[in-house]
Amino acid sequence: MILVRGPKDPAVLHAVLPRSRPVSPGDLPLVTRITDDIDTAHSTADRLREVGCLVVIVEEPIDRQGSAFCEDHPAQFAALSCKQCDNAICPGCIAAAGGEPLCTPCRLKFERRTRSNRRRQLMLTLVFVAFLYKVWGHLKQDAEQIHGTAPITIGIMQFAPKADIGANIIRQLNQATPDTPSGGSLRDLASWLNTEYSRYTGDKERKFRVESRGPFAVDIAPPALRKPGDTWFKAMFRAWRYPRYFRQLALDHGIPADKFTVKVYVAYGGRSPDMAAHSRGSSKGRVAMTFVSIDELNPGYPLVTIAHEIGHALGANDAYDAQTSRAIHPEGYVEPFRRPLYPQRYAELMAVDIPISRLQEQEISTLTQLRVGHRTAAEMGWIPPEQATLFYTPSEIKPEEKLGGTRLEQNEMDTGTEAEEE
């Protein structure tokens, strides 16, 4: 029953329709459920009309979800059902929810959830911005150290199996004697790097400082770097996990590896002559991983491998062909326009070996046979890229070179074919 207008004397209404408090004009129209019997409802309505009330009787459906009145505003007729709980709602509920069919409790719950999500998103945004700022600061500091005037510290941390800790190659690299040729041990790396840096920059200061630790007797078991069928995410996770294993290994032996600008981990072991092929270096994190065979007889080979991976950690790229493993001309040659071209006198850092003919290369035996080429120097920030480009651009091209094809082919003609015939 809907009481649309009350009597002039409210006390009269209370006698017919008892309530806990008197009905005020502000309560009208007032919806009151008085009985389930329609005849009784009409009888009550008649008595109310006799005392001056205006009354409307509405019969509700038996199903409460299909109520004719709003659950939150009983004085209002229902227009729709709440899309969350199916309660009857009036147009006022829909307007309060911004046009969404939501009852008041569901609307408040949705608003609380929205506010919570926005606060969470704001917090995540702030955390992400702080993370980016931290990363930017780290990259800026790293760039200033690599390309600025601050010294670059290189930590070489060595690990060898307990059974092979006294191997000859380990002794040669770590226990240099007066008879050891210059550039034949790890202690020569710093002077070699500083000499090459000074050759390009003219800076006589000790830019590079190398600190060697170990070898520590430990049987290493690093996690797999990659496996067939890995997804890109799994491969990325393995690439992140792999250097952390060696970092933790260094920490276990009392070496805080992060204090070094470049972290170099040297793992001795295995009998394969091509252990160095598993070595890796990355400018992300300035880290290098080098493998050395226990049976290695030439100390120059692991030295150039270590120097090569340090080059990667400093931003340099390979200067050899991935298919043939031979130096790329001209970037992989220290003297790309030498006449005759072969044999070259030096190996380029990122090409590793000395080209002695078009199809043959030779390992270095000491660091004195190793040089940093112009492209590599540019990639490590020692010289501007334009200077490297200018170096690889000859001052003139002679007529016979135009007739003979490429400059490389002409240089080979000058040397004859003795090397190929061998």
Protein backbone atom coordinates (compact mmCIF):
# COMPACT_ATOMS: atom_id res chain seq x y z
CA MET A 1 0.00 0.00 0.00
CA ILE A 2 1.31 3.46 -0.95
CA LEU A 3 0.26 6.36 1.27
CA VAL A 4 0.35 9.33 -1.07
CA ARG A 5 -1.24 11.96 1.21
CA GLY A 6 -1.84 11.87 4.94
CA PRO A 7 -4.75 13.27 7.03
CA LYS A 8 -4.72 16.75 8.47
CA ASP A 9 -4.42 15.29 11.96
CA PRO A 10 -1.49 12.81 12.11
CA ALA A 11 -2.85 11.31 15.34
CA VAL A 12 -5.85 9.96 13.43
CA LEU A 13 -3.51 8.09 11.06
CA HIS A 14 -1.76 6.36 13.95
CA ALA A 15 -5.03 4.90 15.14
CA VAL A 16 -5.61 3.24 11.75
CA LEU A 17 -1.96 2.49 10.76
CA PRO A 18 0.20 2.10 13.91
CA ARG A 19 3.94 2.94 13.44
CA SER A 20 6.95 3.36 15.68
CA ARG A 21 7.04 7.06 14.84
CA PRO A 22 4.50 9.49 13.35
CA VAL A 23 4.42 9.96 9.57
CA SER A 24 5.76 13.37 8.52
CA PRO A 25 5.11 15.06 5.15
CA GLY A 26 8.72 14.35 4.22
CA ASP A 27 8.03 10.59 4.41
CA LEU A 28 5.42 10.77 1.66
CA PRO A 29 4.83 8.94 -0.52
CA LEU A 30 5.23 6.06 1.95
CA VAL A 31 5.29 2.43 0.85
CA THR A 32 4.07 0.05 3.51
CA ARG A 33 3.69 -3.69 3.25
CA ILE A 34 0.75 -4.42 5.54
CA THR A 35 -0.57 -7.83 4.54
CA ASP A 36 -0.47 -10.62 1.99
CA ASP A 37 -4.28 -10.68 1.83
CA ILE A 38 -5.74 -8.35 -0.78
CA ASP A 39 -9.13 -8.07 0.96
CA THR A 40 -7.51 -7.03 4.22
CA ALA A 41 -5.42 -4.47 2.34
CA HIS A 42 -8.57 -2.96 0.76
CA SER A 43 -10.27 -2.83 4.17
CA THR A 44 -7.32 -0.94 5.65
CA ALA A 45 -7.21 1.39 2.65
CA ASP A 46 -10.91 2.19 3.09
CA ARG A 47 -10.37 3.14 6.75
CA LEU A 48 -7.46 5.36 5.79
CA ARG A 49 -9.51 7.10 3.14
CA GLU A 50 -12.25 7.75 5.74
CA VAL A 51 -9.80 9.78 7.83
CA GLY A 52 -8.67 11.82 4.82
CA CYS A 53 -5.76 9.83 3.35
CA LEU A 54 -4.99 9.29 -0.31
CA VAL A 55 -4.03 5.62 -0.72
CA VAL A 56 -2.98 3.37 -3.62
CA ILE A 57 -2.90 -0.42 -3.34
CA VAL A 58 -0.26 -2.32 -5.36
CA GLU A 59 -0.09 -6.09 -5.44
CA GLU A 60 3.51 -7.43 -5.48
CA PRO A 61 4.66 -10.58 -7.30
CA ILE A 62 5.30 -13.63 -5.11
CA ASP A 63 8.98 -13.78 -6.35
CA ARG A 64 10.97 -11.27 -4.30
CA GLN A 65 13.54 -10.82 -7.09
CA GLY A 66 10.72 -9.50 -9.19
CA SER A 67 9.57 -7.04 -6.54
CA ALA A 68 7.65 -4.05 -7.76
CA PHE A 69 9.58 -1.78 -5.36
CA CYS A 70 13.23 -0.83 -5.05
CA GLU A 71 15.09 -2.79 -2.37
CA ASP A 72 17.08 0.29 -1.31
CA HIS A 73 14.25 2.82 -1.72
CA PRO A 74 10.98 1.06 -0.79
CA ALA A 75 8.95 4.13 -1.72
CA GLN A 76 10.11 3.88 -5.33
CA PHE A 77 8.86 1.55 -8.02
CA ALA A 78 11.46 -0.80 -9.42
CA ALA A 79 12.75 -0.15 -12.93
CA LEU A 80 15.39 -2.89 -13.38
CA SER A 81 17.30 -5.58 -11.51
CA CYS A 82 20.84 -5.07 -10.19
CA LYS A 83 23.30 -6.71 -12.61
CA GLN A 84 25.32 -8.07 -9.68
CA CYS A 85 22.74 -9.38 -7.19
CA ASP A 86 19.41 -9.18 -9.13
CA ASN A 87 17.74 -7.03 -6.45
CA ALA A 88 15.05 -4.64 -7.67
CA ILE A 89 16.36 -1.10 -8.23
CA CYS A 90 14.71 2.20 -9.03
CA PRO A 91 15.74 4.93 -11.52
CA GLY A 92 17.41 6.77 -8.61
CA CYS A 93 19.78 3.82 -8.04
CA ILE A 94 20.66 3.74 -11.73
CA ALA A 95 21.34 7.51 -11.77
CA ALA A 96 23.54 7.24 -8.65
CA ALA A 97 25.55 4.49 -10.37
CA GLY A 98 26.23 6.65 -13.41
CA GLY A 99 23.77 4.80 -15.62
CA GLU A 100 24.84 1.30 -14.51
CA PRO A 101 22.09 -1.04 -13.19
CA LEU A 102 23.54 -1.39 -9.67
CA CYS A 103 21.89 -1.36 -6.28
CA THR A 104 23.37 0.84 -3.55
CA PRO A 105 25.42 -1.92 -1.77
CA CYS A 106 26.83 -3.20 -5.07
CA ARG A 107 27.60 0.36 -6.21
CA LEU A 108 29.47 1.14 -2.99
CA LYS A 109 31.36 -2.15 -3.23
CA PHE A 110 32.32 -1.35 -6.85
CA GLU A 111 33.44 2.17 -5.89
CA ARG A 112 35.60 0.82 -3.05
CA ARG A 113 37.18 -1.72 -5.40
CA THR A 114 37.80 0.98 -8.02
CA ARG A 115 39.43 3.27 -5.47
CA SER A 116 41.59 0.39 -4.23
CA ASN A 117 42.64 -0.49 -7.79
CA ARG A 118 43.50 3.12 -8.53
CA ARG A 119 45.59 3.39 -5.38
CA ARG A 120 47.34 0.15 -6.30
CA GLN A 121 47.97 1.37 -9.85
CA LEU A 122 49.29 4.67 -8.54
CA MET A 123 51.62 2.85 -6.14
CA LEU A 124 52.86 0.55 -8.92
CA THR A 125 53.42 3.58 -11.15
CA LEU A 126 55.43 5.30 -8.42
CA VAL A 127 57.47 2.13 -7.81
CA PHE A 128 58.09 1.75 -11.56
CA VAL A 129 59.16 5.39 -11.88
CA ALA A 130 61.50 4.95 -8.91
CA PHE A 131 62.88 1.78 -10.53
CA LEU A 132 63.45 3.59 -13.85
CA TYR A 133 65.16 6.42 -12.00
CA LYS A 134 67.39 3.91 -10.23
CA VAL A 135 68.19 2.15 -13.51
CA TRP A 136 68.84 5.47 -15.23
CA GLY A 137 71.17 6.49 -12.40
CA HIS A 138 72.99 3.16 -12.63
CA LEU A 139 73.35 3.42 -16.42
CA LYS A 140 74.53 7.00 -16.13
CA GLN A 141 77.10 6.04 -13.50
CA ASP A 142 78.19 3.06 -15.60
CA ALA A 143 78.55 5.21 -18.73
CA GLU A 144 80.53 7.84 -16.81
CA GLN A 145 82.87 5.16 -15.50
CA ILE A 146 83.33 3.41 -18.86
CA HIS A 147 83.64 6.54 -20.99
CA GLY A 148 84.74 9.07 -18.37
CA THR A 149 88.01 9.65 -16.59
CA ALA A 150 87.41 7.25 -13.70
CA PRO A 151 89.52 4.06 -13.67
CA ILE A 152 87.91 0.85 -14.94
CA THR A 153 88.48 -2.00 -12.52
CA ILE A 154 88.49 -5.54 -13.89
CA GLY A 155 88.15 -8.45 -11.48
CA ILE A 156 89.34 -11.85 -12.74
CA MET A 157 87.96 -14.61 -10.53
CA GLN A 158 89.32 -18.08 -11.29
CA PHE A 159 87.85 -21.47 -10.41
CA ALA A 160 89.39 -24.87 -11.11
CA PRO A 161 88.43 -28.47 -10.23
CA LYS A 162 90.14 -29.70 -7.07
CA ALA A 163 91.89 -32.45 -9.03
CA ASP A 164 93.33 -29.99 -11.57
CA ILE A 165 94.28 -27.03 -9.37
CA GLY A 166 97.98 -27.58 -10.14
CA ALA A 167 97.58 -27.88 -13.92
CA ASN A 168 100.41 -26.42 -15.99
CA ILE A 169 98.21 -23.89 -17.83
CA ILE A 170 96.98 -22.49 -14.49
CA ARG A 171 100.57 -22.12 -13.27
CA GLN A 172 101.63 -20.44 -16.51
CA LEU A 173 98.84 -17.85 -16.33
CA ASN A 174 99.25 -17.08 -12.61
CA GLN A 175 102.88 -17.70 -11.66
CA ALA A 176 104.93 -15.68 -14.11
CA THR A 177 108.71 -16.05 -13.79
CA PRO A 178 111.58 -13.99 -15.19
CA ASP A 179 111.66 -16.46 -18.07
CA THR A 180 107.98 -15.89 -18.89
CA PRO A 181 107.70 -13.84 -22.11
CA SER A 182 106.14 -10.41 -21.85
CA GLY A 183 102.39 -10.64 -22.37
CA GLY A 184 102.25 -14.28 -21.35
CA SER A 185 100.38 -14.12 -18.02
CA LEU A 186 97.31 -12.55 -16.41
CA ARG A 187 99.43 -9.88 -14.73
CA ASP A 188 100.16 -8.44 -18.22
CA LEU A 189 96.51 -7.72 -19.04
CA ALA A 190 96.41 -4.34 -17.29
CA SER A 191 99.53 -3.00 -19.00
CA TRP A 192 98.33 -4.30 -22.38
CA LEU A 193 94.92 -2.63 -22.00
CA ASN A 194 96.46 0.64 -20.85
CA THR A 195 98.95 0.61 -23.73
CA GLU A 196 96.19 0.10 -26.29
CA TYR A 197 93.97 2.73 -24.65
CA SER A 198 96.87 5.21 -24.66
CA ARG A 199 97.63 4.42 -28.31
CA TYR A 200 94.19 5.73 -29.30
CA THR A 201 93.56 8.46 -26.72
CA GLY A 202 97.03 9.68 -25.86
CA ASP A 203 96.06 9.36 -22.19
CA LYS A 204 99.04 8.08 -20.20
CA GLU A 205 97.05 7.50 -17.01
CA ARG A 206 96.27 3.95 -15.88
CA LYS A 207 92.70 3.71 -17.15
CA PHE A 208 92.47 -0.04 -16.49
CA ARG A 209 93.25 -1.81 -13.24
CA VAL A 210 93.13 -5.60 -13.19
CA GLU A 211 92.83 -7.63 -10.02
CA SER A 212 93.17 -11.43 -10.23
CA ARG A 213 91.76 -13.73 -7.53
CA GLY A 214 92.20 -17.46 -7.24
CA PRO A 215 92.26 -20.01 -8.62
CA PHE A 216 89.86 -21.47 -6.07
CA ALA A 217 89.53 -25.24 -5.88
CA VAL A 218 85.87 -25.89 -6.59
CA ASP A 219 83.99 -28.25 -8.89
CA ILE A 220 81.62 -25.85 -10.62
CA ALA A 221 78.20 -26.91 -11.87
CA PRO A 222 76.65 -23.85 -13.56
CA PRO A 223 73.01 -23.90 -14.66
CA ALA A 224 72.29 -24.49 -18.34
CA LEU A 225 72.50 -21.32 -20.37
CA ARG A 226 69.99 -22.58 -22.92
CA LYS A 227 68.03 -25.72 -23.74
CA PRO A 228 66.17 -26.83 -26.90
CA GLY A 229 62.55 -25.75 -26.87
CA ASP A 230 63.06 -22.86 -24.43
CA THR A 231 60.55 -20.04 -24.75
CA TRP A 232 61.90 -16.49 -24.97
CA PHE A 233 60.97 -15.94 -21.33
CA LYS A 234 62.75 -19.12 -20.21
CA ALA A 235 65.81 -18.18 -22.26
CA MET A 236 65.81 -14.71 -20.69
CA PHE A 237 65.50 -16.25 -17.22
CA ARG A 238 68.44 -18.59 -17.89
CA ALA A 239 70.55 -15.69 -19.19
CA TRP A 240 69.78 -13.82 -15.95
CA ARG A 241 70.41 -16.82 -13.72
CA TYR A 242 73.67 -17.96 -15.34
CA PRO A 243 75.99 -15.08 -14.26
CA ARG A 244 74.35 -14.97 -10.84
CA TYR A 245 75.62 -18.49 -10.21
CA PHE A 246 79.24 -17.34 -10.67
CA ARG A 247 78.58 -14.13 -8.73
CA GLN A 248 77.39 -16.21 -5.78
CA LEU A 249 80.39 -18.52 -6.20
CA ALA A 250 82.66 -15.49 -5.90
CA LEU A 251 80.79 -14.28 -2.81
CA ASP A 252 81.17 -17.74 -1.24
CA HIS A 253 84.95 -17.27 -1.55
CA GLY A 254 84.93 -13.80 -0.05
CA ILE A 255 84.97 -11.76 -3.26
CA PRO A 256 82.33 -9.01 -3.62
CA ALA A 257 82.26 -9.18 -7.42
CA ASP A 258 80.02 -6.12 -7.74
CA LYS A 259 82.86 -3.84 -6.64
CA PHE A 260 84.50 -4.36 -10.05
CA THR A 261 83.44 -2.45 -13.16
CA VAL A 262 83.93 -5.60 -15.24
CA LYS A 263 83.47 -9.04 -13.71
CA VAL A 264 85.44 -11.84 -15.40
CA TYR A 265 84.89 -15.43 -14.28
CA VAL A 266 87.48 -17.95 -15.52
CA ALA A 267 86.54 -21.64 -15.28
CA TYR A 268 89.29 -24.21 -15.85
CA GLY A 269 88.33 -27.77 -16.72
CA GLY A 270 87.56 -30.18 -19.50
CA ARG A 271 89.84 -31.64 -22.11
CA SER A 272 88.26 -30.25 -25.27
CA PRO A 273 90.62 -28.09 -27.36
CA ASP A 274 87.68 -25.78 -28.14
CA MET A 275 86.61 -24.92 -24.58
CA ALA A 276 86.90 -21.21 -25.40
CA ALA A 277 83.91 -21.52 -27.77
CA HIS A 278 81.65 -21.66 -24.67
CA SER A 279 82.95 -18.31 -23.40
CA ARG A 280 80.58 -15.35 -23.27
CA GLY A 281 80.78 -11.64 -22.56
CA SER A 282 78.04 -9.01 -22.26
CA SER A 283 77.94 -5.26 -21.75
CA LYS A 284 74.70 -5.78 -19.80
CA GLY A 285 76.06 -6.06 -16.30
CA ARG A 286 79.67 -5.80 -17.61
CA VAL A 287 80.25 -9.51 -17.10
CA ALA A 288 82.38 -12.11 -18.91
CA MET A 289 82.58 -15.90 -18.58
CA THR A 290 85.67 -17.67 -19.93
CA PHE A 291 86.39 -21.39 -20.17
CA VAL A 292 89.94 -22.76 -20.39
CA SER A 293 90.91 -26.35 -21.15
CA ILE A 294 93.18 -28.06 -18.62
CA ASP A 295 95.20 -29.48 -21.53
CA GLU A 296 95.82 -26.08 -23.14
CA LEU A 297 99.53 -25.70 -24.03
CA ASN A 298 99.50 -22.13 -25.37
CA PRO A 299 98.87 -19.54 -22.60
CA GLY A 300 98.32 -16.89 -25.26
CA TYR A 301 95.05 -18.56 -26.29
CA PRO A 302 93.24 -18.20 -22.92
CA LEU A 303 94.71 -14.71 -22.55
CA VAL A 304 93.27 -13.52 -25.85
CA THR A 305 89.98 -15.25 -24.97
CA ILE A 306 89.80 -13.38 -21.66
CA ALA A 307 90.71 -10.08 -23.36
CA HIS A 308 88.14 -10.77 -26.11
CA GLU A 309 85.32 -11.31 -23.59
CA ILE A 310 86.39 -8.16 -21.72
CA GLY A 311 85.97 -6.39 -25.06
CA HIS A 312 82.39 -7.66 -25.23
CA ALA A 313 81.78 -6.46 -21.67
CA LEU A 314 83.00 -3.00 -22.71
CA GLY A 315 80.62 -2.88 -25.68
CA ALA A 316 82.65 -4.28 -28.60
CA ASN A 317 81.23 -6.74 -31.16
CA ASP A 318 82.82 -9.74 -32.87
CA ALA A 319 84.97 -8.95 -35.91
CA TYR A 320 85.06 -12.49 -37.34
CA ASP A 321 82.71 -14.41 -39.61
CA ALA A 322 80.40 -16.65 -37.56
CA GLN A 323 80.46 -19.36 -40.25
CA THR A 324 84.19 -19.57 -40.95
CA SER A 325 85.56 -18.03 -37.71
CA ARG A 326 87.98 -16.00 -39.86
CA ALA A 327 88.58 -12.29 -39.42
CA ILE A 328 86.34 -9.97 -41.45
CA HIS A 329 88.13 -7.53 -43.71
CA PRO A 330 88.73 -4.69 -43.01
CA GLU A 331 87.28 -4.43 -39.47
CA GLY A 332 88.90 -7.64 -38.25
CA TYR A 333 92.36 -6.63 -39.48
CA VAL A 334 94.67 -4.37 -37.50
CA GLU A 335 96.44 -3.34 -40.74
CA PRO A 336 93.71 -3.82 -43.38
CA PHE A 337 95.61 -2.00 -46.14
CA ARG A 338 99.07 -3.40 -45.51
CA ARG A 339 101.03 -4.36 -48.64
CA PRO A 340 101.31 -7.24 -48.96
CA LEU A 341 98.18 -7.92 -46.95
CA TYR A 342 99.41 -11.31 -45.74
CA PRO A 343 100.72 -12.28 -43.36
CA GLN A 344 99.31 -9.78 -40.87
CA ARG A 345 101.57 -8.92 -37.95
CA TYR A 346 98.85 -8.76 -35.30
CA ALA A 347 95.55 -10.28 -34.29
CA GLU A 348 92.61 -7.91 -33.76
CA LEU A 349 91.03 -8.17 -30.28
CA MET A 350 87.54 -9.05 -31.51
CA ALA A 351 88.80 -11.33 -34.31
CA VAL A 352 91.17 -13.26 -31.97
CA ASP A 353 93.62 -14.86 -34.48
CA ILE A 354 96.31 -13.51 -36.84
CA PRO A 355 95.38 -13.77 -40.56
CA ILE A 356 98.36 -15.26 -42.37
CA SER A 357 96.60 -15.95 -45.70
CA ARG A 358 93.13 -15.66 -47.15
CA LEU A 359 92.18 -19.06 -45.70
CA GLN A 360 94.55 -19.48 -42.76
CA GLU A 361 94.92 -17.88 -39.35
CA GLN A 362 97.35 -18.39 -36.49
CA GLU A 363 96.89 -18.26 -32.70
CA ILE A 364 98.79 -15.63 -30.75
CA SER A 365 101.34 -16.77 -28.17
CA THR A 366 101.59 -13.51 -26.17
CA LEU A 367 99.58 -10.32 -25.77
CA THR A 368 102.29 -8.46 -27.71
CA GLN A 369 100.75 -9.97 -30.85
CA LEU A 370 97.29 -8.58 -30.05
CA ARG A 371 95.95 -5.13 -30.96
CA VAL A 372 92.68 -3.23 -30.68
CA GLY A 373 91.36 -2.29 -34.11
CA HIS A 374 89.74 1.04 -34.92
CA ARG A 375 86.18 -0.25 -35.07
CA THR A 376 86.61 -1.99 -31.72
CA ALA A 377 88.12 1.16 -30.21
CA ALA A 378 85.10 3.15 -31.42
CA GLU A 379 82.62 0.62 -30.00
CA MET A 380 84.36 0.80 -26.61
CA GLY A 381 84.17 4.60 -26.72
CA TRP A 382 87.89 5.25 -27.04
CA ILE A 383 87.54 7.19 -30.30
CA PRO A 384 84.59 8.73 -32.20
CA PRO A 385 82.90 6.43 -34.77
CA GLU A 386 83.80 8.91 -37.53
CA GLN A 387 87.48 8.40 -36.82
CA ALA A 388 87.10 4.63 -37.30
CA THR A 389 85.14 5.17 -40.53
CA LEU A 390 87.86 7.47 -41.82
CA PHE A 391 90.53 4.86 -41.03
CA TYR A 392 88.75 2.23 -43.15
CA THR A 393 88.42 4.65 -46.08
CA PRO A 394 91.60 4.62 -48.24
CA SER A 395 92.91 7.98 -49.41
CA GLU A 396 92.76 6.91 -53.06
CA ILE A 397 91.80 4.00 -55.29
CA LYS A 398 94.34 3.23 -57.95
CA PRO A 399 93.31 2.36 -61.56
CA GLU A 400 94.64 -1.20 -61.28
CA GLU A 401 92.47 -1.73 -58.17
CA LYS A 402 89.37 -0.71 -60.16
CA LEU A 403 90.28 -3.23 -62.84
CA GLY A 404 91.21 -5.93 -60.36
CA GLY A 405 87.97 -5.89 -58.35
CA THR A 406 87.96 -5.30 -54.63
CA ARG A 407 90.92 -3.91 -52.76
CA LEU A 408 91.17 -7.15 -50.82
CA GLU A 409 91.46 -9.14 -54.06
CA GLN A 410 94.14 -6.76 -55.33
CA ASN A 411 96.10 -7.13 -52.11
CA GLU A 412 95.94 -10.89 -52.47
CA MET A 413 97.27 -10.56 -56.03
CA ASP A 414 100.23 -8.64 -54.63
CA THR A 415 101.07 -11.43 -52.21
CA GLY A 416 100.88 -14.17 -54.83
CA THR A 417 99.31 -17.51 -54.19
CA GLU A 418 102.05 -19.13 -52.10
CA ALA A 419 99.92 -19.37 -48.98
CA GLU A 420 97.03 -21.01 -50.84
CA GLU A 421 99.37 -23.52 -52.47
CA GLU A 422 100.64 -24.56 -49.04
